[in-house]
Protein backbone atom coordinates (compact mmCIF):
# COMPACT_ATOMS: atom_id res chain seq x y z
CA GLN A 1 48.71 29.79 146.42
CA VAL A 2 49.35 27.43 143.44
CA GLN A 3 46.21 25.56 142.53
CA LEU A 4 44.43 23.93 139.28
CA VAL A 5 40.80 23.48 139.22
CA GLU A 6 39.36 21.18 136.55
CA SER A 7 35.60 21.58 135.11
CA GLY A 8 33.56 20.35 132.41
CA GLY A 9 33.33 16.85 133.25
CA GLY A 10 29.92 15.07 132.58
CA SER A 11 28.01 12.17 131.36
CA VAL A 12 27.97 12.12 127.24
CA GLN A 13 27.05 9.25 124.69
CA ALA A 14 29.25 7.65 122.69
CA GLY A 15 30.27 9.45 119.68
CA GLY A 16 29.98 13.12 121.48
CA SER A 17 32.16 15.71 122.61
CA LEU A 18 33.28 17.45 125.99
CA ARG A 19 35.65 20.52 126.45
CA LEU A 20 37.28 20.45 129.70
CA SER A 21 38.71 23.47 131.19
CA CYS A 22 41.88 24.02 133.63
CA VAL A 23 42.47 26.83 135.50
CA ALA A 24 45.64 27.89 137.11
CA TYR A 25 46.32 30.06 140.17
CA GLY A 26 49.35 31.40 141.84
CA TYR A 27 51.64 31.39 138.33
CA HIS A 28 51.87 32.27 135.06
CA ALA A 29 50.87 28.55 133.73
CA GLY A 30 51.27 29.48 129.78
CA SER A 31 55.45 29.72 130.80
CA TYR A 32 55.69 26.09 131.66
CA CYS A 33 54.56 22.38 130.49
CA MET A 34 50.94 21.90 130.95
CA ALA A 35 49.13 18.17 130.48
CA TRP A 36 45.99 16.16 130.69
CA PHE A 37 45.97 12.75 132.41
CA ARG A 38 43.00 9.98 133.07
CA GLN A 39 42.64 7.30 135.36
CA VAL A 40 39.99 4.80 136.32
CA PRO A 41 39.90 2.77 139.40
CA GLY A 42 42.89 0.38 139.95
CA LYS A 43 45.03 1.56 137.04
CA GLY A 44 47.69 4.61 137.52
CA ARG A 45 47.60 7.75 136.00
CA GLU A 46 47.29 7.42 131.95
CA GLY A 47 49.06 10.68 130.33
CA VAL A 48 46.95 11.88 127.44
CA ALA A 49 48.10 14.89 125.93
CA THR A 50 50.81 17.38 126.97
CA VAL A 51 51.61 21.17 125.71
CA ALA A 52 54.45 23.44 126.05
CA ARG A 53 55.32 27.06 126.34
CA ASP A 54 56.21 27.28 122.73
CA GLY A 55 52.67 25.59 121.55
CA ASN A 56 54.34 22.23 121.12
CA THR A 57 51.78 19.30 121.62
CA ASP A 58 52.21 15.19 122.46
CA TYR A 59 49.24 12.83 122.29
CA LEU A 60 48.49 9.28 123.84
CA TYR A 61 48.08 7.08 120.70
CA SER A 62 44.75 6.67 121.07
CA VAL A 63 43.66 10.17 121.16
CA ARG A 64 45.15 11.54 118.46
CA GLY A 65 43.05 12.92 115.98
CA ARG A 66 39.88 12.80 118.48
CA PHE A 67 41.11 15.37 121.09
CA THR A 68 43.06 18.54 121.26
CA ILE A 69 44.59 20.18 123.98
CA SER A 70 45.04 23.84 124.04
CA LYS A 71 45.88 26.86 126.19
CA ASP A 72 45.36 30.80 126.54
CA ASP A 73 48.23 31.85 128.26
CA ASP A 74 46.02 35.26 129.12
CA GLU A 75 43.06 33.25 130.61
CA ASN A 76 45.92 31.05 132.42
CA THR A 77 43.30 28.41 131.49
CA LEU A 78 44.36 24.90 129.60
CA TYR A 79 41.62 23.02 127.28
CA LEU A 80 40.62 19.40 126.43
CA GLN A 81 38.79 19.50 123.37
CA MET A 82 37.09 15.79 122.96
CA ARG A 83 35.43 14.49 119.78
CA SER A 84 34.46 11.05 118.92
CA LEU A 85 33.96 10.20 122.82
CA GLN A 86 34.54 6.56 123.56
CA SER A 87 33.26 4.46 126.38
CA GLU A 88 37.10 4.08 127.01
CA ASP A 89 37.66 7.63 127.42
CA THR A 90 35.60 6.88 130.88
CA ALA A 91 37.94 7.94 133.28
CA MET A 92 38.67 10.86 136.09
CA TYR A 93 40.68 13.74 134.01
CA TYR A 94 43.66 15.76 135.96
CA CYS A 95 44.87 18.58 135.05
CA ALA A 96 48.81 19.15 135.73
CA ALA A 97 51.57 20.88 135.52
CA ASP A 98 55.87 20.65 135.29
CA ARG A 99 56.42 23.55 136.84
CA ARG A 100 60.42 23.49 136.50
CA ARG A 101 60.37 23.20 132.52
CA PRO A 102 58.86 25.30 129.21
CA TYR A 103 59.24 21.94 127.63
CA CYS A 104 57.39 18.64 128.04
CA LEU A 105 59.26 15.63 129.20
CA GLY A 106 56.45 13.02 127.81
CA LEU A 107 53.40 11.78 129.31
CA GLY A 108 54.73 9.70 132.57
CA SER A 109 53.22 11.24 135.65
CA SER A 110 56.29 11.18 137.74
CA TRP A 111 57.25 14.65 135.37
CA TYR A 112 54.79 16.36 136.84
CA ASP A 113 54.57 18.14 140.10
CA THR A 114 51.60 19.83 140.97
CA TRP A 115 47.66 18.13 140.29
CA GLY A 116 44.36 19.08 140.01
CA GLN A 117 41.37 17.36 142.20
CA GLY A 118 39.97 15.93 138.62
CA THR A 119 36.79 15.65 136.59
CA GLN A 120 34.76 12.75 135.81
CA VAL A 121 34.21 11.62 132.28
CA THR A 122 31.53 9.17 131.24
CA VAL A 123 31.11 7.84 128.06
CA SER A 124 28.05 5.66 127.74
CA SER A 125 27.69 3.36 124.71
């Protein structure tokens, strides 16, 4: 059964750091596009970062230089290192996969067909 399981969320002071993890089960995640999204109540899911099979990455403008997406193909795990966190980064963070393509089409949620259950990140100022 294909499944994505996130962990690593929590509460942190502004300026702090967190690292999110997403373990993929049931398929080889490294062969396809993977991404992180976030969502706050009342708003749609916002693409944060993507990583393709070849390691090519893309980021939401507001997180560039602060967040780093990476993957460990041997461990079938996706990561999101978040630094210099701001209150605006508070959201539920979701791991997502496009299991049809080795490259990423962008930060739009409609491209992704597999989702994790989410992990909450709360940044207090």
